[in-house]
Amino acid sequence: MIKVGLIGLGSMGRVHLDIYARLESEGFPIKLVAIYDVDEQKFRGNTQESNVVDLGTAYDLSKINTYTDSELFYQEEMDMVDIALPTYLHDAFTIRSLNKGLHVLCEKPIALDSDSGTAMVEAAAASGKNLMIAHCLRFWPEYEYLKSIIDSEKYGKVRVATFYRGGNVPGWSYENWMLQVDKSGGALVDLHIHDVDMINWLFGKPEAVSALCSEHYDIVSAHFRFSDGKIIHAQADLSLPGEVGFEMSYRVHMDTATLVFQDGKLTVYPADGSSWVYEHEGNLGYYREIKYFAERLRNEEAVITSRPEDSLLALRIVEAERQSSGRGGQFVPIAE
């Protein structure tokens, strides 16, 4: 039985809470034993809003030990912690947990800056415990399918690909930490990094990146340079007015097909034949990433699909984008 402590009960913490409840109901050998959050009101059902997920489910937490004191929380008997805190707290709680001999699943991004992320990777290596950053797109069915098509070259080589993520201003975060660039990094670090990590996963590390960002990094437009000449672009925008809602999408043009993921549906348009819609079992990335990490612990296996080193690379590329934007969009090489 894997005993879990959840750190942070904001919007993503609630998503993870839902998943642990589901895994337990399915008979998976895992149990959420403790939750830590500085805001006691969250233990009483008061939750933040979210532009990404539905937080409508209410839970009876009477059988789970809840803490507003981290020292008491860490006295619990646990095998792993799940960190769903604001970005600027990731490094401190991850390193603290690893040093206590606990495996760590931490929400993305790995950290606010690459120095902090490097310290987390080093702490994991020194502890011998698993650290995984929850880059959920690596477990999202439509993105997994895209990777399988690219790797197999079923439709030839990629010629151009565009990735997009966007939504309304995130005014729902606890004490508005999402709107504070020194705590969240803006859309550049918090949102755009999803697609940066995906580009790395699909195509490998780019040679260089060019980006333009708005003053507060809530709008980002970036191009990634690869030696074979394919054109890769990613855009993020967390300042949209009106009731547009959240969107994540991609369009990938290959030699003999175009793949379009939009409004939660992936359509394949082959050069020869009719278009068709990709279908899957229905489990999304949030569920599948947590189950994957738990299965790795259960089988005493290292994390492969989302290694912390990969997450650190994504953050380093985002930092290069920030440099590029400050230089008027000049290409910035990605160091080895």
Protein backbone atom coordinates (compact mmCIF):
# COMPACT_ATOMS: atom_id res chain seq x y z
CA MET A 1 0.00 0.00 0.00
CA ILE A 2 1.40 3.36 -1.07
CA LYS A 3 0.69 6.01 1.56
CA VAL A 4 0.39 9.51 0.08
CA GLY A 5 0.58 12.97 1.56
CA LEU A 6 -0.91 15.78 -0.53
CA ILE A 7 0.67 19.21 -0.17
CA GLY A 8 -1.61 22.00 -1.40
CA LEU A 9 -5.38 21.89 -1.86
CA GLY A 10 -5.86 24.56 -4.50
CA SER A 11 -7.30 23.85 -7.95
CA MET A 12 -4.72 21.22 -8.97
CA GLY A 13 -4.65 19.79 -5.47
CA ARG A 14 -8.38 19.19 -5.77
CA VAL A 15 -7.85 17.45 -9.11
CA HIS A 16 -5.27 15.17 -7.51
CA LEU A 17 -7.58 14.54 -4.55
CA ASP A 18 -10.26 13.36 -7.00
CA ILE A 19 -7.80 10.97 -8.61
CA TYR A 20 -6.61 9.39 -5.35
CA ALA A 21 -10.23 8.83 -4.38
CA ARG A 22 -10.87 7.19 -7.74
CA LEU A 23 -7.76 5.00 -7.57
CA GLU A 24 -8.76 3.80 -4.10
CA SER A 25 -12.28 3.02 -5.32
CA GLU A 26 -10.78 1.01 -8.19
CA GLY A 27 -8.81 -1.12 -5.75
CA PHE A 28 -5.38 0.28 -6.58
CA PRO A 29 -3.09 -0.15 -3.54
CA ILE A 30 -2.80 3.53 -2.68
CA LYS A 31 -4.20 5.62 0.16
CA LEU A 32 -4.23 9.36 0.75
CA VAL A 33 -3.43 9.66 4.46
CA ALA A 34 -2.68 13.35 4.98
CA ILE A 35 -3.16 16.79 3.44
CA TYR A 36 -1.21 19.96 4.19
CA ASP A 37 -2.38 23.47 3.31
CA VAL A 38 -1.87 26.81 5.04
CA ASP A 39 -5.53 27.74 4.38
CA GLU A 40 -7.71 25.84 6.82
CA GLN A 41 -10.85 26.96 4.95
CA LYS A 42 -10.04 24.53 2.15
CA PHE A 43 -10.52 21.61 4.52
CA ARG A 44 -14.08 22.83 5.03
CA GLY A 45 -14.98 22.72 1.38
CA ASN A 46 -14.02 26.25 0.36
CA THR A 47 -12.12 25.99 -2.91
CA GLN A 48 -10.61 28.20 -5.54
CA GLU A 49 -12.10 28.45 -9.01
CA SER A 50 -10.23 27.12 -12.01
CA ASN A 51 -10.22 27.84 -15.73
CA VAL A 52 -9.02 24.33 -16.56
CA VAL A 53 -10.87 21.77 -14.44
CA ASP A 54 -14.25 21.16 -12.81
CA LEU A 55 -14.00 21.45 -9.01
CA GLY A 56 -17.64 20.64 -8.30
CA THR A 57 -17.09 17.43 -6.30
CA ALA A 58 -17.25 17.81 -2.52
CA TYR A 59 -15.38 15.40 -0.23
CA ASP A 60 -15.64 14.31 3.39
CA LEU A 61 -12.08 14.71 4.66
CA SER A 62 -12.86 13.41 8.14
CA LYS A 63 -10.91 10.20 7.52
CA ILE A 64 -7.83 12.05 6.22
CA ASN A 65 -5.51 13.88 8.59
CA THR A 66 -5.35 17.56 7.65
CA TYR A 67 -2.65 19.99 8.70
CA THR A 68 -1.83 23.67 8.51
CA ASP A 69 1.51 22.96 10.25
CA SER A 70 4.05 21.36 7.93
CA GLU A 71 6.12 19.97 10.83
CA LEU A 72 3.14 17.93 12.01
CA PHE A 73 2.35 16.88 8.44
CA TYR A 74 5.83 15.44 7.94
CA GLN A 75 5.44 13.32 11.08
CA GLU A 76 2.88 11.21 9.20
CA GLU A 77 3.92 7.79 7.93
CA MET A 78 4.10 8.30 4.16
CA ASP A 79 5.80 6.79 1.12
CA MET A 80 5.37 9.75 -1.23
CA VAL A 81 4.16 13.33 -1.32
CA ASP A 82 2.24 15.03 -4.08
CA ILE A 83 3.15 18.73 -4.26
CA ALA A 84 0.45 20.94 -5.75
CA LEU A 85 1.70 24.27 -4.43
CA PRO A 86 2.39 27.59 -6.18
CA THR A 87 5.50 27.40 -8.36
CA TYR A 88 7.77 29.47 -6.12
CA LEU A 89 7.37 26.86 -3.34
CA HIS A 90 8.18 23.79 -5.44
CA ASP A 91 11.89 23.62 -4.77
CA ALA A 92 11.77 24.05 -0.98
CA PHE A 93 9.06 21.43 -0.40
CA THR A 94 10.48 18.99 -2.94
CA ILE A 95 13.97 19.07 -1.44
CA ARG A 96 12.57 18.88 2.09
CA SER A 97 10.48 15.84 1.16
CA LEU A 98 13.31 14.06 -0.65
CA ASN A 99 15.63 14.64 2.29
CA LYS A 100 13.04 12.95 4.51
CA GLY A 101 13.22 9.85 2.31
CA LEU A 102 9.95 10.41 0.44
CA HIS A 103 9.26 9.98 -3.26
CA VAL A 104 7.93 13.18 -4.84
CA LEU A 105 5.38 13.93 -7.52
CA CYS A 106 5.47 17.70 -8.08
CA GLU A 107 3.21 19.81 -10.25
CA LYS A 108 4.75 21.55 -13.21
CA PRO A 109 6.82 23.58 -13.80
CA ILE A 110 9.73 22.05 -11.94
CA ALA A 111 10.61 25.41 -10.37
CA LEU A 112 10.58 29.15 -10.89
CA ASP A 113 14.18 29.20 -12.18
CA SER A 114 16.70 26.64 -13.42
CA ASP A 115 19.04 27.02 -10.43
CA SER A 116 16.22 25.93 -8.12
CA GLY A 117 15.28 23.15 -10.56
CA THR A 118 18.87 21.92 -10.65
CA ALA A 119 18.91 21.74 -6.84
CA MET A 120 15.77 19.59 -6.98
CA VAL A 121 17.27 17.18 -9.52
CA GLU A 122 20.46 16.90 -7.46
CA ALA A 123 18.48 16.27 -4.27
CA ALA A 124 16.57 13.46 -5.97
CA ALA A 125 19.79 11.85 -7.18
CA ALA A 126 21.33 12.09 -3.71
CA SER A 127 18.26 10.65 -1.99
CA GLY A 128 17.77 7.73 -4.36
CA LYS A 129 14.05 8.53 -4.43
CA ASN A 130 11.85 9.08 -7.47
CA LEU A 131 11.06 12.65 -8.49
CA MET A 132 8.59 13.27 -11.29
CA ILE A 133 7.26 16.61 -12.50
CA ALA A 134 3.62 16.36 -13.53
CA HIS A 135 3.86 17.44 -17.16
CA CYS A 136 0.45 15.99 -17.92
CA LEU A 137 0.64 16.32 -21.72
CA ARG A 138 3.10 13.42 -21.83
CA PHE A 139 0.20 11.31 -20.55
CA TRP A 140 -2.57 12.98 -22.56
CA PRO A 141 -3.95 10.50 -25.15
CA GLU A 142 -4.04 12.91 -28.11
CA TYR A 143 -0.45 14.01 -27.48
CA GLU A 144 0.72 10.43 -26.92
CA TYR A 145 -0.83 9.48 -30.24
CA LEU A 146 0.89 12.40 -31.94
CA LYS A 147 4.24 11.20 -30.58
CA SER A 148 3.61 7.66 -31.84
CA ILE A 149 2.83 9.01 -35.32
CA ILE A 150 5.92 11.23 -35.38
CA ASP A 151 8.22 8.47 -34.08
CA SER A 152 6.89 5.90 -36.56
CA GLU A 153 6.91 8.37 -39.48
CA LYS A 154 3.60 6.84 -40.56
CA TYR A 155 2.80 10.03 -42.47
CA GLY A 156 6.38 11.00 -43.18
CA LYS A 157 8.33 13.87 -41.66
CA VAL A 158 6.91 16.87 -39.82
CA ARG A 159 7.11 20.02 -41.93
CA VAL A 160 5.42 22.51 -39.61
CA ALA A 161 3.71 22.31 -36.21
CA THR A 162 1.86 24.90 -34.14
CA PHE A 163 0.90 24.50 -30.48
CA TYR A 164 -1.43 26.79 -28.53
CA ARG A 165 -2.62 27.21 -24.93
CA GLY A 166 -4.69 30.09 -23.66
CA GLY A 167 -7.51 31.37 -21.52
CA ASN A 168 -8.82 34.14 -19.31
CA VAL A 169 -6.79 35.99 -16.71
CA PRO A 170 -6.26 33.53 -13.79
CA GLY A 171 -7.77 35.75 -11.10
CA TRP A 172 -8.88 32.71 -9.11
CA SER A 173 -5.50 31.63 -7.67
CA TYR A 174 -4.80 31.73 -3.93
CA GLU A 175 -3.87 35.31 -2.97
CA ASN A 176 -3.52 35.92 -6.72
CA TRP A 177 -0.09 34.27 -6.86
CA MET A 178 -0.64 33.43 -10.54
CA LEU A 179 -0.76 37.14 -11.38
CA GLN A 180 2.56 37.82 -9.66
CA VAL A 181 5.39 37.19 -12.10
CA ASP A 182 7.92 36.80 -9.28
CA LYS A 183 5.87 33.85 -7.97
CA SER A 184 4.48 32.25 -11.14
CA GLY A 185 6.73 33.41 -13.98
CA GLY A 186 3.59 34.45 -15.85
CA ALA A 187 2.11 32.43 -18.69
CA LEU A 188 5.65 31.96 -20.00
CA VAL A 189 6.66 29.69 -17.11
CA ASP A 190 3.31 28.41 -15.89
CA LEU A 191 1.40 27.71 -19.10
CA HIS A 192 3.64 27.90 -22.16
CA ILE A 193 6.09 25.45 -20.57
CA HIS A 194 3.58 22.64 -21.28
CA ASP A 195 4.12 23.04 -25.01
CA VAL A 196 7.86 23.60 -24.62
CA ASP A 197 8.13 20.26 -22.82
CA MET A 198 5.97 18.66 -25.49
CA ILE A 199 8.18 20.03 -28.29
CA ASN A 200 11.23 18.57 -26.52
CA TRP A 201 9.46 15.21 -26.15
CA LEU A 202 8.34 15.08 -29.77
CA PHE A 203 11.41 16.49 -31.52
CA GLY A 204 14.30 16.61 -29.07
CA LYS A 205 16.13 19.68 -27.84
CA PRO A 206 15.97 22.60 -30.30
CA GLU A 207 19.17 24.32 -31.41
CA ALA A 208 17.85 27.78 -30.56
CA VAL A 209 14.66 29.65 -29.72
CA SER A 210 13.21 33.03 -30.66
CA ALA A 211 10.39 34.58 -28.66
CA LEU A 212 8.37 37.73 -28.15
CA CYS A 213 6.56 38.25 -24.85
CA SER A 214 4.25 40.87 -23.42
CA GLU A 215 5.48 43.06 -20.57
CA HIS A 216 4.14 40.77 -17.83
CA TYR A 217 4.79 37.51 -19.74
CA ASP A 218 1.08 36.73 -20.04
CA ILE A 219 1.37 36.50 -23.86
CA VAL A 220 4.11 34.45 -25.54
CA SER A 221 4.93 33.63 -29.15
CA ALA A 222 7.97 31.44 -29.79
CA HIS A 223 9.73 29.71 -32.69
CA PHE A 224 12.06 26.75 -32.22
CA ARG A 225 14.94 26.12 -34.61
CA PHE A 226 15.89 22.58 -35.63
CA SER A 227 18.71 21.46 -37.93
CA ASP A 228 16.38 19.72 -40.40
CA GLY A 229 14.49 22.96 -41.13
CA LYS A 230 11.04 22.04 -39.80
CA ILE A 231 9.08 25.03 -38.53
CA ILE A 232 7.84 24.73 -34.94
CA HIS A 233 5.81 27.47 -33.25
CA ALA A 234 4.10 27.72 -29.86
CA GLN A 235 1.86 30.46 -28.51
CA ALA A 236 0.32 31.06 -25.08
CA ASP A 237 -2.05 33.75 -23.87
CA LEU A 238 -3.48 34.15 -20.36
CA SER A 239 -5.05 37.56 -20.91
CA LEU A 240 -8.05 36.80 -23.12
CA PRO A 241 -11.13 38.98 -22.50
CA GLY A 242 -14.66 37.64 -22.68
CA GLU A 243 -16.04 34.19 -21.94
CA VAL A 244 -13.65 32.32 -24.23
CA GLY A 245 -12.69 29.66 -21.70
CA PHE A 246 -9.52 27.57 -21.74
CA GLU A 247 -8.08 26.07 -24.92
CA MET A 248 -5.20 23.75 -25.72
CA SER A 249 -4.67 22.74 -29.32
CA TYR A 250 -2.19 21.80 -32.02
CA ARG A 251 -1.92 21.54 -35.78
CA VAL A 252 0.84 19.33 -37.21
CA HIS A 253 1.49 19.21 -40.95
CA MET A 254 3.37 16.09 -42.12
CA ASP A 255 4.31 14.90 -45.60
CA THR A 256 1.08 12.95 -46.15
CA ALA A 257 -1.32 14.04 -43.40
CA THR A 258 -2.38 16.88 -41.12
CA LEU A 259 -3.31 16.25 -37.49
CA VAL A 260 -5.54 18.83 -35.79
CA PHE A 261 -6.38 18.75 -32.08
CA GLN A 262 -9.03 21.30 -31.16
CA ASP A 263 -12.00 21.47 -28.79
CA GLY A 264 -10.90 18.21 -27.18
CA LYS A 265 -11.01 16.28 -30.47
CA LEU A 266 -8.13 15.00 -32.61
CA THR A 267 -8.89 14.73 -36.32
CA VAL A 268 -6.51 13.08 -38.79
CA TYR A 269 -6.64 14.38 -42.36
CA PRO A 270 -4.66 11.97 -44.58
CA ALA A 271 -3.60 13.07 -48.08
CA ASP A 272 -5.32 9.99 -49.51
CA GLY A 273 -8.68 9.08 -48.01
CA SER A 274 -11.26 10.54 -45.67
CA SER A 275 -10.57 12.25 -42.37
CA TRP A 276 -11.23 10.41 -39.14
CA VAL A 277 -11.36 11.17 -35.40
CA TYR A 278 -8.97 9.51 -32.97
CA GLU A 279 -10.74 7.86 -30.04
CA HIS A 280 -9.36 6.59 -26.73
CA GLU A 281 -10.55 5.02 -23.48
CA GLY A 282 -11.38 8.37 -21.90
CA ASN A 283 -8.79 8.68 -19.13
CA LEU A 284 -6.99 12.02 -19.31
CA GLY A 285 -3.44 12.99 -18.42
CA TYR A 286 -4.05 13.95 -14.78
CA TYR A 287 -5.29 10.48 -13.90
CA ARG A 288 -2.77 8.65 -16.05
CA GLU A 289 0.29 10.55 -14.76
CA ILE A 290 -0.54 9.85 -11.11
CA LYS A 291 -1.27 6.19 -11.77
CA TYR A 292 1.96 5.91 -13.76
CA PHE A 293 4.01 7.37 -10.91
CA ALA A 294 2.31 5.10 -8.35
CA GLU A 295 2.93 2.05 -10.54
CA ARG A 296 6.60 2.99 -10.79
CA LEU A 297 6.83 3.13 -7.01
CA ARG A 298 4.92 -0.11 -6.62
CA ASN A 299 7.29 -1.90 -9.02
CA GLU A 300 10.39 -0.14 -7.66
CA GLU A 301 11.16 1.31 -11.10
CA ALA A 302 12.65 4.64 -12.11
CA VAL A 303 10.55 7.29 -13.83
CA ILE A 304 11.09 7.27 -17.61
CA THR A 305 8.19 9.10 -19.27
CA SER A 306 8.68 12.43 -17.47
CA ARG A 307 12.16 12.56 -15.97
CA PRO A 308 13.05 15.59 -13.83
CA GLU A 309 15.98 16.30 -16.17
CA ASP A 310 13.49 16.70 -19.03
CA SER A 311 11.43 19.15 -16.98
CA LEU A 312 14.56 21.12 -16.14
CA LEU A 313 15.43 21.35 -19.84
CA ALA A 314 11.97 22.78 -20.57
CA LEU A 315 12.56 25.46 -17.93
CA ARG A 316 15.98 26.30 -19.37
CA ILE A 317 14.42 26.77 -22.79
CA VAL A 318 11.74 29.04 -21.32
CA GLU A 319 14.51 31.11 -19.73
CA ALA A 320 16.18 31.36 -23.15
CA GLU A 321 12.85 32.61 -24.52
CA ARG A 322 12.81 35.33 -21.89
CA GLN A 323 16.32 36.36 -22.98
CA SER A 324 15.24 36.34 -26.62
CA SER A 325 12.26 38.55 -25.92
CA GLY A 326 14.52 41.02 -24.16
CA ARG A 327 16.65 41.13 -27.31
CA GLY A 328 13.77 41.83 -29.66
CA GLY A 329 13.20 38.20 -30.64
CA GLN A 330 16.81 37.34 -31.46
CA PHE A 331 17.48 33.59 -31.59
CA VAL A 332 19.16 32.34 -28.40
CA PRO A 333 21.07 29.03 -28.54
CA ILE A 334 20.09 26.28 -26.11
CA ALA A 335 23.23 25.22 -24.26
CA GLU A 336 24.18 21.57 -23.94
